[in-house]
Amino acid sequence: MKAFVFTQHHHIEPIVHDVPALPEEHALIKLSHCGISQMDVDTYLGREQKVAPPKVLGSEICGTVIKINSPGTPSELEGVRVAVDPIISCGQCDECRKGKSNHCENIDILGCTYDGGFADYVIVPVKNVYPLPVTGDIECFTLASPLASALHLDSIVHTEKEGRCVILGSRPVDILYGLVLRRRSGIDVIIIDDNPFRLNIAQSLGLSCIDLSSAGNNTIMDELFFENDTSIDIVVIGSSKIKNSLTLGINLVAPRGQIYVTRNLHNNEQIEPGDIIEKELIFRGVNLYDKENFTKSVDDIASYSENFSSLITHRLPFAGIENGLQIVETVPECMKVILIK
């Protein structure tokens, strides 16, 4: 099999080796599609230090089950198209026994601590394999993991109907945050960022948007959405690279509002406790999703596939991984890049 291995920053090396032996309770998946995530990009560029090379990156995996080594799993699963949940929890630690598998004390993640999907084949635990419906575009299911993150955020957000939420960022996961919060929680969602291309896609999916490339931070408060003392109940600090996005979020949110941080803050961003205290804000981090969220994400993509295909803008062969990583980082007219066999 061929695997595209991250060996050092700015370098992916194709390596040919035998398919490893299949451990018990694991499945061998032949890759058909794999999305390029922001974690992949940050690892490749050296901004993310959690991944120790050599490692096969790639966590957003779809393919076909080739073989299963699990006495309790029906052999009929072989030959079935599947999505793979990249979060591998142990099921034995205190957090797993409490039902908080996303806080597993021994967690592994495909493409991070465990070889991922930039390869011909990947070996994963059987419990992480999710059969896909016969109909439907399989490439959309590469978005199951970011959609599960959106479902997890929705599960912890506290809001009343007709509330209002601002999301700072317009990458695929941010738009999925907006679609889920609007559909499941019934709140008004506004996407704010400085990328007109991605904002146009968000608008085509029915989300309200403000383009900072033309408005600027200082004029947001004068925009239509914020006139007449309209309150912002929730701010989500998403993937946007806007400078001082945390300060912007604190300024936008109403007193006793909620701020959810979904990523590491940039080095120049600092939290001023006084600002949080004065407005009595709820400030909360958002961690990995759990298995229930991933199951729901697969069902949602099967039911609402039209909302997901527009998020995929680039399709490349697996040999084009390094080009894909650069596209995600440098091309403004990019939403989601997926690799296709």
Protein backbone atom coordinates (compact mmCIF):
# COMPACT_ATOMS: atom_id res chain seq x y z
CA MET A 1 0.00 0.00 0.00
CA LYS A 2 1.03 3.61 -0.50
CA ALA A 3 0.86 6.06 2.38
CA PHE A 4 1.60 9.78 2.23
CA VAL A 5 3.59 10.36 5.40
CA PHE A 6 4.21 13.64 7.20
CA THR A 7 7.95 13.36 7.93
CA GLN A 8 8.79 16.97 8.75
CA HIS A 9 7.27 20.41 8.43
CA HIS A 10 6.44 21.32 4.81
CA HIS A 11 7.07 17.78 3.61
CA ILE A 12 4.81 14.81 2.83
CA GLU A 13 6.64 11.70 1.58
CA PRO A 14 4.97 8.86 -0.36
CA ILE A 15 6.02 5.55 1.15
CA VAL A 16 5.13 2.05 -0.07
CA HIS A 17 4.85 -0.76 2.46
CA ASP A 18 2.83 -3.88 3.21
CA VAL A 19 -0.63 -3.56 4.70
CA PRO A 20 -0.19 -4.08 8.48
CA ALA A 21 -1.72 -7.06 10.25
CA LEU A 22 -5.30 -6.41 11.34
CA PRO A 23 -5.66 -6.36 15.15
CA GLU A 24 -8.70 -7.85 16.83
CA GLU A 25 -11.80 -5.62 16.86
CA HIS A 26 -10.41 -3.57 13.97
CA ALA A 27 -11.45 -3.04 10.34
CA LEU A 28 -9.39 -2.49 7.22
CA ILE A 29 -10.81 0.39 5.15
CA LYS A 30 -9.91 1.10 1.54
CA LEU A 31 -9.93 4.87 1.15
CA SER A 32 -12.10 6.54 -1.45
CA HIS A 33 -12.26 10.09 -0.03
CA CYS A 34 -10.47 12.08 2.68
CA GLY A 35 -10.98 15.72 3.61
CA ILE A 36 -8.09 18.04 4.45
CA SER A 37 -8.71 19.55 7.88
CA GLN A 38 -7.27 22.68 9.47
CA MET A 39 -5.36 20.40 11.86
CA ASP A 40 -3.67 18.79 8.83
CA VAL A 41 -2.69 22.23 7.51
CA ASP A 42 -1.42 23.51 10.86
CA THR A 43 0.61 20.33 11.40
CA TYR A 44 2.13 20.50 7.92
CA LEU A 45 3.10 24.17 8.37
CA GLY A 46 4.52 23.69 11.88
CA ARG A 47 1.86 25.67 13.74
CA GLU A 48 0.53 22.56 15.48
CA GLN A 49 3.02 20.59 17.57
CA LYS A 50 0.76 17.77 18.81
CA VAL A 51 1.57 15.46 15.88
CA ALA A 52 4.94 13.75 16.08
CA PRO A 53 6.37 12.68 12.69
CA PRO A 54 6.44 10.29 10.99
CA LYS A 55 2.65 10.18 10.84
CA VAL A 56 -0.05 9.67 8.23
CA LEU A 57 -2.35 12.69 8.52
CA GLY A 58 -6.00 12.81 7.51
CA SER A 59 -9.01 12.46 9.80
CA GLU A 60 -12.06 13.04 7.57
CA ILE A 61 -12.31 9.56 6.07
CA CYS A 62 -14.71 7.68 3.82
CA GLY A 63 -14.13 4.36 2.12
CA THR A 64 -15.12 0.72 1.84
CA VAL A 65 -14.65 -2.02 4.43
CA ILE A 66 -12.27 -4.64 3.03
CA LYS A 67 -11.86 -6.89 6.05
CA ILE A 68 -13.02 -7.14 9.67
CA ASN A 69 -11.32 -8.93 12.54
CA SER A 70 -14.18 -9.00 15.03
CA PRO A 71 -16.10 -12.15 16.01
CA GLY A 72 -19.09 -10.11 17.13
CA THR A 73 -19.44 -8.06 13.94
CA PRO A 74 -21.43 -9.40 10.97
CA SER A 75 -19.26 -10.21 7.95
CA GLU A 76 -21.91 -8.46 5.83
CA LEU A 77 -20.21 -5.19 6.74
CA GLU A 78 -17.38 -6.14 4.38
CA GLY A 79 -17.82 -4.34 1.07
CA VAL A 80 -19.98 -1.61 2.64
CA ARG A 81 -19.30 2.12 2.20
CA VAL A 82 -18.52 3.76 5.52
CA ALA A 83 -17.54 6.99 7.24
CA VAL A 84 -14.95 6.76 9.99
CA ASP A 85 -15.14 8.62 13.30
CA PRO A 86 -11.55 9.77 13.90
CA ILE A 87 -11.93 10.09 17.68
CA ILE A 88 -10.93 6.84 19.37
CA SER A 89 -11.91 6.64 23.04
CA CYS A 90 -10.83 3.81 25.33
CA GLY A 91 -14.26 3.11 26.87
CA GLN A 92 -12.62 2.16 30.17
CA CYS A 93 -11.44 5.34 31.91
CA ASP A 94 -13.51 7.33 34.42
CA GLU A 95 -14.63 9.90 31.83
CA CYS A 96 -15.73 7.22 29.34
CA ARG A 97 -17.68 5.41 32.06
CA LYS A 98 -19.41 8.72 32.88
CA GLY A 99 -20.52 8.97 29.25
CA LYS A 100 -18.00 11.73 28.45
CA SER A 101 -16.00 9.91 25.79
CA ASN A 102 -14.88 13.22 24.28
CA HIS A 103 -12.87 13.74 27.48
CA CYS A 104 -11.35 10.23 27.40
CA GLU A 105 -8.14 10.08 29.41
CA ASN A 106 -6.51 7.84 26.77
CA ILE A 107 -7.93 9.41 23.64
CA ASP A 108 -6.43 8.79 20.20
CA ILE A 109 -7.26 10.73 17.05
CA LEU A 110 -6.78 9.50 13.51
CA GLY A 111 -4.25 11.65 11.72
CA CYS A 112 -2.89 12.96 15.01
CA THR A 113 -1.83 10.26 17.47
CA TYR A 114 -2.93 7.39 15.19
CA ASP A 115 -2.18 6.99 11.47
CA GLY A 116 -4.95 8.53 9.41
CA GLY A 117 -6.44 8.58 5.95
CA PHE A 118 -3.78 9.98 3.59
CA ALA A 119 -3.14 6.43 2.37
CA ASP A 120 -4.57 3.60 0.27
CA TYR A 121 -5.84 1.85 3.41
CA VAL A 122 -6.43 2.70 7.06
CA ILE A 123 -6.94 0.40 10.05
CA VAL A 124 -9.50 1.60 12.59
CA PRO A 125 -11.47 0.16 15.51
CA VAL A 126 -14.72 -1.45 14.38
CA LYS A 127 -16.65 0.80 16.81
CA ASN A 128 -15.50 3.82 14.78
CA VAL A 129 -16.97 2.58 11.49
CA TYR A 130 -20.38 3.95 10.40
CA PRO A 131 -22.17 2.39 7.38
CA LEU A 132 -23.46 4.91 4.85
CA PRO A 133 -26.76 4.84 2.99
CA VAL A 134 -26.70 3.31 -0.48
CA THR A 135 -27.85 6.60 -1.99
CA GLY A 136 -26.19 9.94 -1.49
CA ASP A 137 -22.92 11.50 -2.55
CA ILE A 138 -20.18 9.83 -0.53
CA GLU A 139 -17.89 12.88 -0.73
CA CYS A 140 -20.30 14.85 1.47
CA PHE A 141 -19.74 12.38 4.30
CA THR A 142 -16.15 13.61 4.64
CA LEU A 143 -17.87 16.49 6.47
CA ALA A 144 -19.26 14.16 9.16
CA SER A 145 -16.56 15.08 11.67
CA PRO A 146 -16.89 18.90 11.38
CA LEU A 147 -20.68 18.51 11.41
CA ALA A 148 -20.40 16.43 14.60
CA SER A 149 -18.44 19.34 16.10
CA ALA A 150 -21.31 21.65 15.20
CA LEU A 151 -23.84 19.28 16.77
CA HIS A 152 -21.72 19.15 19.93
CA LEU A 153 -21.65 22.95 20.12
CA ASP A 154 -25.42 23.04 19.69
CA SER A 155 -25.82 20.55 22.54
CA ILE A 156 -24.03 22.81 25.04
CA VAL A 157 -25.32 26.21 23.94
CA HIS A 158 -28.00 27.67 26.20
CA THR A 159 -30.41 29.92 24.35
CA GLU A 160 -34.04 30.87 24.05
CA LYS A 161 -35.99 30.70 20.81
CA GLU A 162 -35.53 33.82 18.69
CA GLY A 163 -32.12 34.43 20.23
CA ARG A 164 -29.28 35.87 18.18
CA CYS A 165 -25.82 34.42 17.59
CA VAL A 166 -22.71 35.81 15.91
CA ILE A 167 -20.08 33.41 14.55
CA LEU A 168 -16.65 34.87 13.84
CA GLY A 169 -15.42 32.77 10.94
CA SER A 170 -16.68 31.42 7.63
CA ARG A 171 -14.81 28.17 7.08
CA PRO A 172 -16.87 24.97 6.64
CA VAL A 173 -17.11 24.17 10.34
CA ASP A 174 -18.27 27.73 11.12
CA ILE A 175 -21.00 27.56 8.49
CA LEU A 176 -22.02 24.18 9.88
CA TYR A 177 -22.21 25.77 13.36
CA GLY A 178 -24.58 28.34 11.89
CA LEU A 179 -26.76 25.86 10.00
CA VAL A 180 -27.14 23.58 13.02
CA LEU A 181 -27.83 26.36 15.51
CA ARG A 182 -30.45 27.88 13.20
CA ARG A 183 -32.17 24.59 12.37
CA ARG A 184 -32.04 22.86 15.77
CA SER A 185 -32.17 25.78 18.18
CA GLY A 186 -34.17 28.19 16.03
CA ILE A 187 -31.93 31.19 16.58
CA ASP A 188 -30.88 33.95 14.19
CA VAL A 189 -27.26 33.40 13.06
CA ILE A 190 -24.91 36.03 11.63
CA ILE A 191 -21.57 35.02 10.10
CA ILE A 192 -18.83 37.66 10.32
CA ASP A 193 -15.53 37.35 8.45
CA ASP A 194 -13.35 39.03 5.84
CA ASN A 195 -13.61 36.48 3.00
CA PRO A 196 -16.30 37.46 0.45
CA PHE A 197 -16.13 34.11 -1.37
CA ARG A 198 -16.93 32.02 1.70
CA LEU A 199 -19.50 34.54 2.93
CA ASN A 200 -21.33 34.25 -0.41
CA ILE A 201 -21.58 30.49 0.12
CA ALA A 202 -22.90 31.06 3.66
CA GLN A 203 -25.52 33.45 2.27
CA SER A 204 -26.55 30.93 -0.38
CA LEU A 205 -27.33 28.55 2.48
CA GLY A 206 -29.59 31.13 4.11
CA LEU A 207 -27.26 32.60 6.73
CA SER A 208 -26.94 36.35 7.31
CA CYS A 209 -23.40 37.69 6.83
CA ILE A 210 -21.29 40.79 7.45
CA ASP A 211 -18.15 41.23 5.34
CA LEU A 212 -15.34 42.78 7.37
CA SER A 213 -13.25 43.31 4.23
CA SER A 214 -15.59 46.18 3.40
CA ALA A 215 -17.11 47.04 6.80
CA GLY A 216 -14.15 46.88 9.19
CA ASN A 217 -14.25 46.17 12.92
CA ASN A 218 -15.07 49.75 13.86
CA THR A 219 -18.24 49.93 11.77
CA ILE A 220 -19.84 46.60 12.66
CA MET A 221 -21.88 48.13 15.44
CA ASP A 222 -23.44 50.47 12.87
CA GLU A 223 -24.59 47.61 10.65
CA LEU A 224 -28.30 46.90 10.32
CA PHE A 225 -28.17 43.80 12.54
CA PHE A 226 -26.93 45.78 15.53
CA GLU A 227 -29.10 48.87 15.33
CA ASN A 228 -31.96 49.61 17.72
CA ASP A 229 -30.22 47.95 20.67
CA THR A 230 -30.58 44.51 19.12
CA SER A 231 -28.77 42.18 21.48
CA ILE A 232 -26.34 39.41 20.59
CA ASP A 233 -26.91 36.56 23.03
CA ILE A 234 -24.11 34.26 21.83
CA VAL A 235 -20.74 34.76 20.17
CA VAL A 236 -18.81 31.81 18.76
CA ILE A 237 -15.09 32.41 18.25
CA GLY A 238 -14.66 30.29 15.15
CA SER A 239 -11.91 29.88 12.58
CA SER A 240 -11.57 33.53 11.57
CA LYS A 241 -8.07 35.00 11.55
CA ILE A 242 -9.45 38.46 12.27
CA LYS A 243 -7.12 40.32 14.62
CA ASN A 244 -8.47 40.72 18.14
CA SER A 245 -11.47 38.51 17.39
CA LEU A 246 -11.90 37.76 21.08
CA THR A 247 -12.10 41.47 21.93
CA LEU A 248 -14.56 41.93 19.08
CA GLY A 249 -16.68 39.09 20.44
CA ILE A 250 -16.69 40.55 23.94
CA ASN A 251 -17.73 43.94 22.56
CA LEU A 252 -20.55 42.44 20.48
CA VAL A 253 -22.15 40.16 23.06
CA ALA A 254 -24.86 41.51 25.34
CA PRO A 255 -24.49 41.62 29.14
CA ARG A 256 -24.88 38.12 30.60
CA GLY A 257 -24.28 36.74 27.12
CA GLN A 258 -22.27 33.66 26.20
CA ILE A 259 -18.95 33.31 24.39
CA TYR A 260 -17.85 29.91 23.05
CA VAL A 261 -14.22 29.43 22.02
CA THR A 262 -13.76 26.65 19.46
CA ARG A 263 -10.05 27.07 18.71
CA ASN A 264 -6.77 28.11 20.30
CA LEU A 265 -6.52 31.87 20.59
CA HIS A 266 -3.92 33.67 18.53
CA ASN A 267 -0.77 34.78 20.34
CA ASN A 268 -1.80 38.43 20.33
CA GLU A 269 -5.20 37.75 21.88
CA GLN A 270 -5.60 38.15 25.61
CA ILE A 271 -8.60 37.90 27.89
CA GLU A 272 -9.24 40.91 30.09
CA PRO A 273 -11.04 39.59 33.18
CA GLY A 274 -12.52 43.02 33.83
CA ASP A 275 -14.41 42.97 30.53
CA ILE A 276 -15.93 39.59 31.37
CA ILE A 277 -16.78 40.58 34.93
CA GLU A 278 -18.41 43.88 33.99
CA LYS A 279 -20.74 42.22 31.48
CA GLU A 280 -21.19 39.05 33.60
CA LEU A 281 -20.34 36.89 30.60
CA ILE A 282 -20.36 33.10 30.39
CA PHE A 283 -17.06 32.08 28.81
CA ARG A 284 -16.77 28.45 27.69
CA GLY A 285 -14.41 26.29 25.65
CA VAL A 286 -15.72 23.71 23.19
CA ASN A 287 -14.01 20.32 23.17
CA LEU A 288 -14.22 17.28 20.88
CA TYR A 289 -17.62 15.80 20.09
CA ASP A 290 -18.87 12.39 21.29
CA LYS A 291 -20.04 9.31 19.39
CA GLU A 292 -23.71 10.28 19.54
CA ASN A 293 -22.88 13.52 17.71
CA PHE A 294 -21.03 11.61 14.96
CA THR A 295 -23.98 9.24 14.49
CA LYS A 296 -26.34 12.20 14.16
CA SER A 297 -24.00 13.89 11.69
CA VAL A 298 -24.08 10.90 9.34
CA ASP A 299 -27.89 10.89 9.49
CA ASP A 300 -28.06 14.65 8.89
CA ILE A 301 -25.81 14.52 5.83
CA ALA A 302 -27.97 11.74 4.38
CA SER A 303 -31.08 13.91 4.91
CA TYR A 304 -29.71 17.35 3.95
CA SER A 305 -27.00 16.59 1.39
CA GLU A 306 -27.79 19.74 -0.60
CA ASN A 307 -26.49 21.84 2.31
CA PHE A 308 -23.11 20.11 2.23
CA SER A 309 -22.07 19.72 -1.41
CA SER A 310 -21.63 23.49 -1.81
CA LEU A 311 -19.01 23.47 0.96
CA ILE A 312 -16.65 21.34 -1.15
CA THR A 313 -14.78 23.57 -3.60
CA HIS A 314 -11.69 21.55 -4.52
CA ARG A 315 -11.27 17.87 -5.40
CA LEU A 316 -7.76 16.48 -5.87
CA PRO A 317 -6.11 13.07 -6.28
CA PHE A 318 -4.36 11.72 -3.20
CA ALA A 319 -1.00 12.45 -4.86
CA GLY A 320 -1.96 16.15 -4.71
CA ILE A 321 -2.00 16.32 -0.90
CA GLU A 322 0.70 18.96 -0.56
CA ASN A 323 -0.99 21.11 -3.19
CA GLY A 324 -4.26 20.71 -1.28
CA LEU A 325 -2.66 21.77 1.99
CA GLN A 326 -1.31 24.91 0.32
CA ILE A 327 -4.70 25.67 -1.26
CA VAL A 328 -6.44 25.57 2.13
CA GLU A 329 -3.84 27.94 3.55
CA THR A 330 -3.41 30.44 0.70
CA VAL A 331 -6.35 30.44 -1.74
CA PRO A 332 -9.18 32.80 -0.67
CA GLU A 333 -11.63 31.09 -3.05
CA CYS A 334 -11.44 27.85 -1.12
CA MET A 335 -13.93 26.30 1.23
CA LYS A 336 -13.20 22.57 1.57
CA VAL A 337 -10.56 20.44 -0.16
CA ILE A 338 -11.09 16.70 -0.41
CA LEU A 339 -8.87 13.97 -1.82
CA ILE A 340 -10.46 11.39 -4.11
CA LYS A 341 -9.23 7.97 -5.28
